[in-house]
Structures are given as structure tokens and as C-alpha cells.
């Protein structure tokens, strides 16, 4: 299941702040991005987040969906994927 945008309620990949790319760009341009504060950072150790990411990917979740579910950016998710591949080699 793909996450839902907090502004338009569409089931799409999220960009930032729980918004799809279209809504994020719209609210950034109109100055209303403050209506959607960023989610608080998780206090879980990085190793635990990497393990959770690996489990979600193993269940067939897309990288972007797995990233949203553990509360990290897609860039961080890419780094986690590289870390997992390096550990498997």
C-alpha cells in the first residue's frame, strides 16, 4: 500500500513532509508549507532502522514506501540499500 499525501489524500509516493511532490511544490511556492510540519525524527539507532528497512524490502516493499514507513528520506534509504548490499557481499 502506498502512503497517502497529507494534502490531497492521493495514494502516491511521498516527497517530503508527508506530501506528494506536486503538493509540496505548490505549498512551497505559495508559502503555506508551514501547515505541514516535518515529522519528528525517530530516536531509534541507525542499525535498527537499517534492519527494519531490510525487512520491509524483503517483504517486497518499494524503496520509497519502505523509507516512508521507517521515517527516513529516499536518499537515506538508498544509503541503507548500499549498506545492505555491501554487508551481503
C-alpha atoms as a PDB file:
ATOM      1  CA  UNK A   1       0.000   0.000   0.000  1.00  0.00           C
ATOM      2  CA  UNK A   2       1.434   3.341  -0.973  1.00  0.00           C
ATOM      3  CA  UNK A   3       1.333   6.176   1.539  1.00  0.00           C
ATOM      4  CA  UNK A   4      -1.301   8.914   1.313  1.00  0.00           C
ATOM      5  CA  UNK A   5      -0.429  12.571   0.717  1.00  0.00           C
ATOM      6  CA  UNK A   6      -1.417  14.699   3.718  1.00  0.00           C
ATOM      7  CA  UNK A   7      -2.802  17.470   1.477  1.00  0.00           C
ATOM      8  CA  UNK A   8      -4.604  15.811  -1.430  1.00  0.00           C
ATOM      9  CA  UNK A   9      -5.239  12.331   0.055  1.00  0.00           C
ATOM     10  CA  UNK A  10      -3.990  10.617  -3.100  1.00  0.00           C
ATOM     11  CA  UNK A  11      -2.132   7.319  -2.731  1.00  0.00           C
ATOM     12  CA  UNK A  12       1.199   8.300  -4.256  1.00  0.00           C
ATOM     13  CA  UNK A  13       4.881   8.256  -3.394  1.00  0.00           C
ATOM     14  CA  UNK A  14       5.717  10.925  -0.864  1.00  0.00           C
ATOM     15  CA  UNK A  15       8.323  13.608  -1.391  1.00  0.00           C
ATOM     16  CA  UNK A  16       8.721  15.484   1.906  1.00  0.00           C
ATOM     17  CA  UNK A  17       6.655  16.343   4.981  1.00  0.00           C
ATOM     18  CA  UNK A  18       4.131  13.645   4.090  1.00  0.00           C
ATOM     19  CA  UNK A  19       3.250  15.447   0.854  1.00  0.00           C
ATOM     20  CA  UNK A  20       3.439  14.268  -2.730  1.00  0.00           C
ATOM     21  CA  UNK A  21       5.846  16.198  -4.948  1.00  0.00           C
ATOM     22  CA  UNK A  22       3.031  18.227  -6.552  1.00  0.00           C
ATOM     23  CA  UNK A  23       1.559  19.362  -3.235  1.00  0.00           C
ATOM     24  CA  UNK A  24       4.992  20.047  -1.734  1.00  0.00           C
ATOM     25  CA  UNK A  25       5.930  22.280  -4.671  1.00  0.00           C
ATOM     26  CA  UNK A  26       2.562  24.058  -4.556  1.00  0.00           C
ATOM     27  CA  UNK A  27       2.764  24.791  -0.821  1.00  0.00           C
ATOM     28  CA  UNK A  28       6.423  25.830  -1.055  1.00  0.00           C
ATOM     29  CA  UNK A  29       5.561  28.257  -3.863  1.00  0.00           C
ATOM     30  CA  UNK A  30       2.529  29.729  -2.069  1.00  0.00           C
ATOM     31  CA  UNK A  31       4.279  29.976   1.302  1.00  0.00           C
ATOM     32  CA  UNK A  32       1.969  27.564   3.094  1.00  0.00           C
ATOM     33  CA  UNK A  33       4.454  24.752   3.675  1.00  0.00           C
ATOM     34  CA  UNK A  34       4.389  25.573   7.412  1.00  0.00           C
ATOM     35  CA  UNK A  35       0.921  23.992   7.518  1.00  0.00           C
ATOM     36  CA  UNK A  36       2.679  20.637   7.155  1.00  0.00           C
ATOM     37  CA  UNK A  37       5.483  20.469   9.733  1.00  0.00           C
ATOM     38  CA  UNK A  38       8.088  17.756   9.213  1.00  0.00           C
ATOM     39  CA  UNK A  39       7.592  14.562  11.140  1.00  0.00           C
ATOM     40  CA  UNK A  40       9.760  14.377  14.249  1.00  0.00           C
ATOM     41  CA  UNK A  41      12.940  12.411  13.812  1.00  0.00           C
ATOM     42  CA  UNK A  42      12.972   8.943  15.210  1.00  0.00           C
ATOM     43  CA  UNK A  43      15.304   8.282  18.094  1.00  0.00           C
ATOM     44  CA  UNK A  44      15.959   4.692  17.056  1.00  0.00           C
ATOM     45  CA  UNK A  45      19.576   3.787  16.330  1.00  0.00           C
ATOM     46  CA  UNK A  46      20.570   3.724  12.675  1.00  0.00           C
ATOM     47  CA  UNK A  47      21.363  -0.002  12.821  1.00  0.00           C
ATOM     48  CA  UNK A  48      17.775  -0.735  13.879  1.00  0.00           C
ATOM     49  CA  UNK A  49      16.395   1.430  11.062  1.00  0.00           C
ATOM     50  CA  UNK A  50      18.632  -0.361   8.544  1.00  0.00           C
ATOM     51  CA  UNK A  51      17.358  -3.707   9.824  1.00  0.00           C
ATOM     52  CA  UNK A  52      13.730  -2.532   9.556  1.00  0.00           C
ATOM     53  CA  UNK A  53      14.418  -1.250   6.033  1.00  0.00           C
ATOM     54  CA  UNK A  54      15.932  -4.597   5.028  1.00  0.00           C
ATOM     55  CA  UNK A  55      12.918  -6.471   6.399  1.00  0.00           C
ATOM     56  CA  UNK A  56      10.454  -4.238   4.535  1.00  0.00           C
ATOM     57  CA  UNK A  57      12.408  -4.585   1.288  1.00  0.00           C
ATOM     58  CA  UNK A  58      12.498  -8.337   1.821  1.00  0.00           C
ATOM     59  CA  UNK A  59       8.701  -8.287   2.054  1.00  0.00           C
ATOM     60  CA  UNK A  60       8.577  -6.639  -1.383  1.00  0.00           C
ATOM     61  CA  UNK A  61       8.004  -3.010  -0.389  1.00  0.00           C
ATOM     62  CA  UNK A  62       9.291  -0.361  -2.777  1.00  0.00           C
ATOM     63  CA  UNK A  63      12.298   1.602  -1.565  1.00  0.00           C
ATOM     64  CA  UNK A  64      10.287   4.834  -1.297  1.00  0.00           C
ATOM     65  CA  UNK A  65       7.468   3.140   0.616  1.00  0.00           C
ATOM     66  CA  UNK A  66       9.893   1.402   2.974  1.00  0.00           C
ATOM     67  CA  UNK A  67      11.637   4.738   3.571  1.00  0.00           C
ATOM     68  CA  UNK A  68       8.346   6.447   4.417  1.00  0.00           C
ATOM     69  CA  UNK A  69       7.346   3.656   6.791  1.00  0.00           C
ATOM     70  CA  UNK A  70      10.560   3.893   8.824  1.00  0.00           C
ATOM     71  CA  UNK A  71      10.627   7.697   8.653  1.00  0.00           C
ATOM     72  CA  UNK A  72      13.722   8.383   6.543  1.00  0.00           C
ATOM     73  CA  UNK A  73      14.282  10.167   3.251  1.00  0.00           C
ATOM     74  CA  UNK A  74      14.630   8.310  -0.032  1.00  0.00           C
ATOM     75  CA  UNK A  75      18.288   9.358  -0.122  1.00  0.00           C
ATOM     76  CA  UNK A  76      18.876   7.750   3.265  1.00  0.00           C
ATOM     77  CA  UNK A  77      17.011   4.671   2.041  1.00  0.00           C
ATOM     78  CA  UNK A  78      19.409   4.480  -0.914  1.00  0.00           C
ATOM     79  CA  UNK A  79      22.306   4.617   1.531  1.00  0.00           C
ATOM     80  CA  UNK A  80      20.726   1.857   3.606  1.00  0.00           C
ATOM     81  CA  UNK A  81      20.326  -0.276   0.464  1.00  0.00           C
ATOM     82  CA  UNK A  82      24.008   0.243  -0.384  1.00  0.00           C
ATOM     83  CA  UNK A  83      24.976  -0.677   3.188  1.00  0.00           C
ATOM     84  CA  UNK A  84      22.896  -3.859   2.965  1.00  0.00           C
ATOM     85  CA  UNK A  85      24.412  -4.817  -0.408  1.00  0.00           C
ATOM     86  CA  UNK A  86      27.937  -4.210   0.959  1.00  0.00           C
ATOM     87  CA  UNK A  87      27.248  -6.359   4.023  1.00  0.00           C
ATOM     88  CA  UNK A  88      25.889  -9.174   1.821  1.00  0.00           C
ATOM     89  CA  UNK A  89      28.979  -9.207  -0.405  1.00  0.00           C
END
